[in-house]
C-alpha atoms as a PDB file:
ATOM      1  CA  MET A   1      28.674  68.248  65.716  1.00  0.00           C
ATOM      2  CA  LYS A   2      27.721  65.235  63.590  1.00  0.00           C
ATOM      3  CA  LYS A   3      27.069  61.964  65.329  1.00  0.00           C
ATOM      4  CA  TYR A   4      28.845  59.040  63.644  1.00  0.00           C
ATOM      5  CA  TYR A   5      28.053  55.393  64.234  1.00  0.00           C
ATOM      6  CA  SER A   6      30.407  52.533  63.587  1.00  0.00           C
ATOM      7  CA  ILE A   7      29.029  49.792  61.365  1.00  0.00           C
ATOM      8  CA  GLY A   8      28.404  47.671  64.464  1.00  0.00           C
ATOM      9  CA  GLU A   9      26.519  50.493  66.224  1.00  0.00           C
ATOM     10  CA  PHE A  10      24.519  51.295  63.083  1.00  0.00           C
ATOM     11  CA  SER A  11      23.674  47.613  62.702  1.00  0.00           C
ATOM     12  CA  LYS A  12      22.290  47.417  66.253  1.00  0.00           C
ATOM     13  CA  LEU A  13      20.444  50.711  65.829  1.00  0.00           C
ATOM     14  CA  THR A  14      18.686  49.750  62.579  1.00  0.00           C
ATOM     15  CA  GLY A  15      18.441  45.970  62.767  1.00  0.00           C
ATOM     16  CA  ALA A  16      20.335  45.539  59.488  1.00  0.00           C
ATOM     17  CA  THR A  17      23.186  43.059  59.659  1.00  0.00           C
ATOM     18  CA  GLN A  18      26.763  44.250  59.146  1.00  0.00           C
ATOM     19  CA  ARG A  19      27.008  41.862  56.230  1.00  0.00           C
ATOM     20  CA  ALA A  20      23.990  43.495  54.576  1.00  0.00           C
ATOM     21  CA  LEU A  21      25.407  46.992  55.157  1.00  0.00           C
ATOM     22  CA  ARG A  22      28.707  46.008  53.547  1.00  0.00           C
ATOM     23  CA  TYR A  23      26.804  44.497  50.617  1.00  0.00           C
ATOM     24  CA  TYR A  24      24.708  47.646  50.132  1.00  0.00           C
ATOM     25  CA  ASP A  25      27.948  49.621  50.123  1.00  0.00           C
ATOM     26  CA  GLU A  26      29.455  47.371  47.454  1.00  0.00           C
ATOM     27  CA  LYS A  27      26.305  47.722  45.332  1.00  0.00           C
ATOM     28  CA  ASN A  28      26.309  51.538  45.743  1.00  0.00           C
ATOM     29  CA  LEU A  29      22.887  51.441  47.372  1.00  0.00           C
ATOM     30  CA  LEU A  30      23.987  52.818  50.730  1.00  0.00           C
ATOM     31  CA  LYS A  31      27.460  54.283  51.057  1.00  0.00           C
ATOM     32  CA  PRO A  32      28.702  55.083  54.584  1.00  0.00           C
ATOM     33  CA  SER A  33      28.966  58.791  55.347  1.00  0.00           C
ATOM     34  CA  ARG A  34      32.630  58.408  56.201  1.00  0.00           C
ATOM     35  CA  VAL A  35      35.328  55.801  55.741  1.00  0.00           C
ATOM     36  CA  SER A  36      38.439  55.975  57.900  1.00  0.00           C
ATOM     37  CA  GLU A  37      41.984  55.568  56.602  1.00  0.00           C
ATOM     38  CA  THR A  38      41.908  52.014  57.867  1.00  0.00           C
ATOM     39  CA  GLY A  39      38.684  51.274  55.948  1.00  0.00           C
ATOM     40  CA  ARG A  40      36.242  51.402  58.864  1.00  0.00           C
ATOM     41  CA  ARG A  41      32.753  52.464  57.846  1.00  0.00           C
ATOM     42  CA  TYR A  42      30.811  55.159  59.755  1.00  0.00           C
ATOM     43  CA  TYR A  43      27.183  56.188  59.359  1.00  0.00           C
ATOM     44  CA  GLU A  44      25.001  59.153  60.314  1.00  0.00           C
ATOM     45  CA  ASP A  45      21.319  59.507  61.236  1.00  0.00           C
ATOM     46  CA  LYS A  46      20.514  60.594  57.674  1.00  0.00           C
ATOM     47  CA  ASP A  47      21.686  57.204  56.415  1.00  0.00           C
ATOM     48  CA  MET A  48      18.669  55.613  58.087  1.00  0.00           C
ATOM     49  CA  ILE A  49      16.321  57.015  55.422  1.00  0.00           C
ATOM     50  CA  PRO A  50      17.775  55.186  52.394  1.00  0.00           C
ATOM     51  CA  LEU A  51      18.306  52.077  54.518  1.00  0.00           C
ATOM     52  CA  GLN A  52      14.644  52.088  55.500  1.00  0.00           C
ATOM     53  CA  GLN A  53      13.713  52.441  51.825  1.00  0.00           C
ATOM     54  CA  ILE A  54      15.923  49.517  50.826  1.00  0.00           C
ATOM     55  CA  ILE A  55      14.387  47.277  53.499  1.00  0.00           C
ATOM     56  CA  SER A  56      10.827  48.278  52.560  1.00  0.00           C
ATOM     57  CA  LEU A  57      11.401  47.832  48.825  1.00  0.00           C
ATOM     58  CA  LYS A  58      12.993  44.413  49.371  1.00  0.00           C
ATOM     59  CA  TYR A  59       9.944  43.445  51.431  1.00  0.00           C
ATOM     60  CA  LEU A  60       7.735  44.503  48.522  1.00  0.00           C
ATOM     61  CA  GLY A  61       9.617  42.151  46.226  1.00  0.00           C
ATOM     62  CA  PHE A  62      11.926  44.587  44.443  1.00  0.00           C
ATOM     63  CA  THR A  63      15.372  43.335  43.473  1.00  0.00           C
ATOM     64  CA  LEU A  64      18.478  45.337  44.378  1.00  0.00           C
ATOM     65  CA  GLU A  65      18.798  46.212  40.677  1.00  0.00           C
ATOM     66  CA  ASP A  66      15.277  47.654  40.767  1.00  0.00           C
ATOM     67  CA  ILE A  67      15.942  49.554  43.987  1.00  0.00           C
ATOM     68  CA  GLU A  68      18.982  51.528  42.839  1.00  0.00           C
ATOM     69  CA  PRO A  69      17.151  53.852  40.386  1.00  0.00           C
ATOM     70  CA  LEU A  70      14.273  54.286  42.854  1.00  0.00           C
ATOM     71  CA  LEU A  71      16.681  55.525  45.524  1.00  0.00           C
ATOM     72  CA  LYS A  72      18.230  57.990  43.099  1.00  0.00           C
ATOM     73  CA  ASP A  73      14.812  59.363  42.158  1.00  0.00           C
ATOM     74  CA  GLU A  74      13.546  59.574  45.738  1.00  0.00           C
ATOM     75  CA  LYS A  75      15.554  62.327  47.391  1.00  0.00           C
ATOM     76  CA  GLY A  76      14.038  63.980  50.400  1.00  0.00           C
ATOM     77  CA  ASN A  77      13.423  63.866  54.097  1.00  0.00           C
ATOM     78  CA  LEU A  78      11.982  61.152  56.298  1.00  0.00           C
ATOM     79  CA  GLN A  79       8.396  62.247  55.665  1.00  0.00           C
ATOM     80  CA  ASP A  80       8.944  62.054  51.891  1.00  0.00           C
ATOM     81  CA  SER A  81      10.396  58.595  52.359  1.00  0.00           C
ATOM     82  CA  LEU A  82       7.419  57.409  54.396  1.00  0.00           C
ATOM     83  CA  LYS A  83       4.959  58.809  51.836  1.00  0.00           C
ATOM     84  CA  PHE A  84       6.878  57.078  49.071  1.00  0.00           C
ATOM     85  CA  GLN A  85       6.787  53.768  50.921  1.00  0.00           C
ATOM     86  CA  LYS A  86       3.065  54.163  51.641  1.00  0.00           C
ATOM     87  CA  LYS A  87       2.420  54.689  47.940  1.00  0.00           C
ATOM     88  CA  LEU A  88       4.309  51.491  47.113  1.00  0.00           C
ATOM     89  CA  MET A  89       2.444  49.594  49.845  1.00  0.00           C
ATOM     90  CA  ILE A  90      -0.914  50.707  48.403  1.00  0.00           C
ATOM     91  CA  GLN A  91       0.164  49.520  44.958  1.00  0.00           C
ATOM     92  CA  LYS A  92       1.202  46.191  46.451  1.00  0.00           C
ATOM     93  CA  GLN A  93      -2.110  45.937  48.304  1.00  0.00           C
ATOM     94  CA  GLU A  94      -4.070  46.611  45.105  1.00  0.00           C
ATOM     95  CA  HIS A  95      -2.098  43.904  43.328  1.00  0.00           C
ATOM     96  CA  LEU A  96      -2.736  41.409  46.142  1.00  0.00           C
ATOM     97  CA  ASN A  97      -6.453  42.249  46.050  1.00  0.00           C
ATOM     98  CA  GLN A  98      -6.504  41.421  42.329  1.00  0.00           C
ATOM     99  CA  VAL A  99      -4.648  38.150  42.970  1.00  0.00           C
ATOM    100  CA  ILE A 100      -7.216  37.187  45.618  1.00  0.00           C
ATOM    101  CA  LYS A 101     -10.060  38.167  43.283  1.00  0.00           C
ATOM    102  CA  ALA A 102      -8.578  36.056  40.480  1.00  0.00           C
ATOM    103  CA  LEU A 103      -8.211  33.043  42.761  1.00  0.00           C
ATOM    104  CA  ASP A 104     -11.746  33.456  44.147  1.00  0.00           C
ATOM    105  CA  HIS A 105     -13.181  33.555  40.625  1.00  0.00           C
ATOM    106  CA  ALA A 106     -11.088  30.578  39.530  1.00  0.00           C
ATOM    107  CA  ILE A 107     -12.155  28.519  42.557  1.00  0.00           C
ATOM    108  CA  GLU A 108     -15.851  29.252  42.044  1.00  0.00           C
ATOM    109  CA  ILE A 109     -15.731  28.627  38.299  1.00  0.00           C
ATOM    110  CA  THR A 110     -13.912  25.300  38.680  1.00  0.00           C
ATOM    111  CA  GLU A 111     -16.706  24.221  41.017  1.00  0.00           C
ATOM    112  CA  GLU A 112     -19.054  24.515  38.019  1.00  0.00           C
ATOM    113  CA  GLY A 113     -16.952  22.178  35.893  1.00  0.00           C
ATOM    114  CA  GLU A 114     -13.435  21.105  34.971  1.00  0.00           C
ATOM    115  CA  MET A 115     -11.288  23.773  33.341  1.00  0.00           C
ATOM    116  CA  SER A 116      -8.075  23.227  31.360  1.00  0.00           C
ATOM    117  CA  SER A 117      -4.869  24.961  32.380  1.00  0.00           C
ATOM    118  CA  PRO A 118      -4.814  27.360  29.368  1.00  0.00           C
ATOM    119  CA  VAL A 119      -8.354  28.529  30.123  1.00  0.00           C
ATOM    120  CA  LEU A 120      -7.662  29.029  33.824  1.00  0.00           C
ATOM    121  CA  HIS A 121      -4.437  30.864  32.999  1.00  0.00           C
ATOM    122  CA  PHE A 122      -6.390  33.086  30.609  1.00  0.00           C
ATOM    123  CA  LEU A 123      -8.961  33.866  33.332  1.00  0.00           C
ATOM    124  CA  ILE A 124      -6.391  34.678  36.015  1.00  0.00           C
ATOM    125  CA  HIS A 125      -4.203  36.675  33.635  1.00  0.00           C
ATOM    126  CA  SER A 126      -7.221  38.712  32.476  1.00  0.00           C
ATOM    127  CA  ILE A 127      -8.252  39.612  36.022  1.00  0.00           C
ATOM    128  CA  LEU A 128      -4.714  40.539  37.060  1.00  0.00           C
ATOM    129  CA  ASN A 129      -4.479  42.873  34.064  1.00  0.00           C
ATOM    130  CA  GLU A 130      -7.943  44.447  34.336  1.00  0.00           C
ATOM    131  CA  ARG A 131      -6.578  47.940  34.869  1.00  0.00           C
ATOM    132  CA  GLU A 132      -4.267  47.676  31.844  1.00  0.00           C
ATOM    133  CA  HIS A 133      -7.210  46.437  29.745  1.00  0.00           C
ATOM    134  CA  PHE A 134      -9.344  49.419  30.695  1.00  0.00           C
ATOM    135  CA  ASP A 135      -6.468  51.850  30.090  1.00  0.00           C
ATOM    136  CA  TRP A 136      -5.994  50.288  26.658  1.00  0.00           C
ATOM    137  CA  MET A 137      -9.732  50.552  25.900  1.00  0.00           C
ATOM    138  CA  ARG A 138      -9.666  54.310  26.464  1.00  0.00           C
ATOM    139  CA  ASP A 139      -7.334  54.645  23.465  1.00  0.00           C
ATOM    140  CA  TYR A 140      -9.912  53.086  21.137  1.00  0.00           C
ATOM    141  CA  PHE A 141     -13.345  53.349  22.770  1.00  0.00           C
ATOM    142  CA  PRO A 142     -15.417  56.364  23.884  1.00  0.00           C
ATOM    143  CA  ASN A 143     -15.023  57.099  27.593  1.00  0.00           C
ATOM    144  CA  GLN A 144     -18.711  56.495  28.248  1.00  0.00           C
ATOM    145  CA  ILE A 145     -18.378  52.980  26.830  1.00  0.00           C
ATOM    146  CA  VAL A 146     -15.337  52.229  28.999  1.00  0.00           C
ATOM    147  CA  ASP A 147     -17.029  53.682  32.086  1.00  0.00           C
ATOM    148  CA  HIS A 148     -20.070  51.500  31.401  1.00  0.00           C
ATOM    149  CA  VAL A 149     -17.955  48.359  30.994  1.00  0.00           C
ATOM    150  CA  MET A 150     -16.088  49.105  34.226  1.00  0.00           C
ATOM    151  CA  GLU A 151     -19.361  49.656  36.076  1.00  0.00           C
ATOM    152  CA  VAL A 152     -20.846  46.401  34.782  1.00  0.00           C
ATOM    153  CA  TYR A 153     -17.684  44.490  35.713  1.00  0.00           C
ATOM    154  CA  GLU A 154     -17.709  46.015  39.177  1.00  0.00           C
ATOM    155  CA  GLU A 155     -21.246  44.737  39.752  1.00  0.00           C
ATOM    156  CA  ASN A 156     -21.269  41.471  37.792  1.00  0.00           C
ATOM    157  CA  GLY A 157     -17.620  40.565  37.187  1.00  0.00           C
ATOM    158  CA  LEU A 158     -17.874  37.070  38.607  1.00  0.00           C
ATOM    159  CA  GLU A 159     -20.944  36.172  36.555  1.00  0.00           C
ATOM    160  CA  ILE A 160     -19.389  37.588  33.365  1.00  0.00           C
ATOM    161  CA  ASN A 161     -16.141  35.725  33.954  1.00  0.00           C
ATOM    162  CA  LYS A 162     -18.045  32.536  34.725  1.00  0.00           C
ATOM    163  CA  ARG A 163     -20.144  32.731  31.536  1.00  0.00           C
ATOM    164  CA  SER A 164     -17.242  33.627  29.271  1.00  0.00           C
ATOM    165  CA  THR A 165     -14.806  31.112  30.780  1.00  0.00           C
ATOM    166  CA  MET A 166     -17.277  28.243  30.563  1.00  0.00           C
ATOM    167  CA  ALA A 167     -18.111  29.141  26.945  1.00  0.00           C
ATOM    168  CA  ILE A 168     -14.412  29.289  26.061  1.00  0.00           C
ATOM    169  CA  GLN A 169     -13.796  25.898  27.670  1.00  0.00           C
ATOM    170  CA  LYS A 170     -16.719  24.339  25.784  1.00  0.00           C
ATOM    171  CA  ILE A 171     -15.432  25.800  22.504  1.00  0.00           C
ATOM    172  CA  LYS A 172     -11.947  24.469  23.248  1.00  0.00           C
ATOM    173  CA  ASN A 173     -13.409  21.016  23.935  1.00  0.00           C
ATOM    174  CA  LEU A 174     -15.567  21.007  20.787  1.00  0.00           C
ATOM    175  CA  ILE A 175     -13.132  22.559  18.376  1.00  0.00           C
ATOM    176  CA  HIS A 176     -11.228  19.307  17.747  1.00  0.00           C
ATOM    177  CA  THR A 177     -14.218  16.988  17.522  1.00  0.00           C
ATOM    178  CA  CYS A 178     -17.007  18.706  15.584  1.00  0.00           C
ATOM    179  CA  GLU A 179     -17.773  20.480  12.324  1.00  0.00           C
ATOM    180  CA  LEU A 180     -17.556  24.242  11.994  1.00  0.00           C
ATOM    181  CA  ASP A 181     -21.347  24.599  11.834  1.00  0.00           C
ATOM    182  CA  ASP A 182     -22.023  22.280  14.779  1.00  0.00           C
ATOM    183  CA  PRO A 183     -25.001  23.732  16.719  1.00  0.00           C
ATOM    184  CA  GLU A 184     -23.333  23.408  20.124  1.00  0.00           C
ATOM    185  CA  LEU A 185     -20.146  25.091  18.910  1.00  0.00           C
ATOM    186  CA  GLN A 186     -22.152  27.872  17.293  1.00  0.00           C
ATOM    187  CA  ALA A 187     -24.240  28.283  20.465  1.00  0.00           C
ATOM    188  CA  ASN A 188     -21.121  28.886  22.563  1.00  0.00           C
ATOM    189  CA  ILE A 189     -19.752  31.345  20.020  1.00  0.00           C
ATOM    190  CA  HIS A 190     -23.087  33.128  20.282  1.00  0.00           C
ATOM    191  CA  GLU A 191     -22.710  33.197  24.067  1.00  0.00           C
ATOM    192  CA  LEU A 192     -19.345  34.980  23.804  1.00  0.00           C
ATOM    193  CA  VAL A 193     -20.695  37.442  21.234  1.00  0.00           C
ATOM    194  CA  THR A 194     -23.704  38.133  23.470  1.00  0.00           C
ATOM    195  CA  ILE A 195     -21.425  38.903  26.419  1.00  0.00           C
ATOM    196  CA  VAL A 196     -19.478  41.419  24.312  1.00  0.00           C
ATOM    197  CA  PHE A 197     -22.689  43.023  22.990  1.00  0.00           C
ATOM    198  CA  ASP A 198     -24.107  43.311  26.506  1.00  0.00           C
ATOM    199  CA  LEU A 199     -20.927  45.017  27.703  1.00  0.00           C
ATOM    200  CA  LEU A 200     -20.431  47.455  24.822  1.00  0.00           C
ATOM    201  CA  GLY A 201     -24.111  48.143  24.115  1.00  0.00           C
ATOM    202  CA  LYS A 202     -26.192  47.993  20.943  1.00  0.00           C
ATOM    203  CA  ASP A 203     -25.183  51.490  19.789  1.00  0.00           C
ATOM    204  CA  PHE A 204     -21.491  50.669  19.520  1.00  0.00           C
ATOM    205  CA  ASP A 205     -20.006  50.513  16.003  1.00  0.00           C
ATOM    206  CA  TYR A 206     -18.773  46.909  16.022  1.00  0.00           C
ATOM    207  CA  GLU A 207     -16.987  47.281  12.690  1.00  0.00           C
ATOM    208  CA  LYS A 208     -14.342  49.264  14.603  1.00  0.00           C
ATOM    209  CA  LEU A 209     -13.328  46.105  16.444  1.00  0.00           C
ATOM    210  CA  GLU A 210     -11.637  44.754  13.321  1.00  0.00           C
ATOM    211  CA  SER A 211      -9.198  47.683  13.199  1.00  0.00           C
ATOM    212  CA  ILE A 212      -8.134  47.592  16.843  1.00  0.00           C
ATOM    213  CA  PRO A 213      -4.500  46.311  17.111  1.00  0.00           C
ATOM    214  CA  VAL A 214      -4.795  43.940  20.070  1.00  0.00           C
ATOM    215  CA  GLU A 215      -1.552  42.175  19.076  1.00  0.00           C
ATOM    216  CA  ASP A 216       0.424  45.377  19.721  1.00  0.00           C
ATOM    217  CA  TYR A 217      -0.505  45.314  23.409  1.00  0.00           C
ATOM    218  CA  LEU A 218       0.913  42.001  24.548  1.00  0.00           C
ATOM    219  CA  PRO A 219       1.737  40.652  27.090  1.00  0.00           C
ATOM    220  CA  PHE A 220      -1.385  41.732  28.981  1.00  0.00           C
ATOM    221  CA  PHE A 221      -3.540  40.211  26.235  1.00  0.00           C
ATOM    222  CA  THR A 222      -3.379  36.434  26.023  1.00  0.00           C
ATOM    223  CA  SER A 223      -5.423  33.738  24.314  1.00  0.00           C
ATOM    224  CA  PRO A 224      -6.607  30.410  25.745  1.00  0.00           C
ATOM    225  CA  PHE A 225      -6.410  28.926  22.244  1.00  0.00           C
ATOM    226  CA  THR A 226      -3.471  27.561  20.288  1.00  0.00           C
ATOM    227  CA  GLU A 227      -2.686  29.042  16.872  1.00  0.00           C
ATOM    228  CA  GLN A 228      -4.383  26.068  15.204  1.00  0.00           C
ATOM    229  CA  GLU A 229      -7.462  26.497  17.398  1.00  0.00           C
ATOM    230  CA  GLU A 230      -7.499  30.229  16.634  1.00  0.00           C
ATOM    231  CA  ARG A 231      -7.616  29.516  12.887  1.00  0.00           C
ATOM    232  CA  TYR A 232     -10.389  26.966  13.350  1.00  0.00           C
ATOM    233  CA  LEU A 233     -12.364  29.329  15.560  1.00  0.00           C
ATOM    234  CA  GLN A 234     -11.998  32.127  13.021  1.00  0.00           C
ATOM    235  CA  LYS A 235     -13.614  29.924  10.368  1.00  0.00           C
ATOM    236  CA  ALA A 236     -16.393  28.946  12.776  1.00  0.00           C
ATOM    237  CA  MET A 237     -16.948  32.636  13.549  1.00  0.00           C
ATOM    238  CA  GLU A 238     -17.269  33.402   9.829  1.00  0.00           C
ATOM    239  CA  ILE A 239     -20.016  30.781   9.578  1.00  0.00           C
ATOM    240  CA  TYR A 240     -21.689  32.277  12.647  1.00  0.00           C
ATOM    241  CA  LEU A 241     -21.713  35.751  11.062  1.00  0.00           C
ATOM    242  CA  GLU A 242     -23.004  34.395   7.745  1.00  0.00           C
ATOM    243  CA  GLN A 243     -25.887  32.678   9.522  1.00  0.00           C
ATOM    244  CA  ARG A 244     -26.747  35.876  11.387  1.00  0.00           C
ATOM    245  CA  MET A 245     -26.761  37.935   8.203  1.00  0.00           C
ATOM    246  CA  ASN A 246     -29.105  35.533   6.371  1.00  0.00           C
END
């Protein structure tokens, strides 16, 4: 014989408030197993599984709108539910680790010198989207190149981010006050190019970079430069390449 709990009993048993249970019912997230003729809600033991999922997903930052399709996809027993929640927790943990890494890098780099908000945002955004960047690279670069870049970043990520961020900030500072062929501006462009060459290796066909559609993969690609600065930098880069070819 099935054991039914009134909404009050189910609330005490699970720790969810009666108000929350009524709300989940209204939102079709957790319907009671039985409703009496007078409208009283009754629950069973099996109702604890979706309730536990709702509570866990809310804790992870999911909205109720996000939770509904997840509950429909995740049908199973308690063990399946726990495995599902563990998977989500691991994903959340990985994200938090990247956030901490981004903040650590930003703190250490700002100790080297003042950084503007766009440059810091670019740094943090890049670190938070590292995985997406590497996944994108595999569509356009040989796997051995991507594996090498990932290995180098694993070992020297902070130093690479520090060098590139400081060079970007110096370029951003100089770009409004100097000529395109200014030695200091050209030296910082060279620093960024050197970082890319060191990561990809001398054997890489750099002409392929021009055909890679970075703009199609926003929003996990951002720029620390305004559109005007981008145009100015492009002209400065053309001078840099001309000087290297001569």
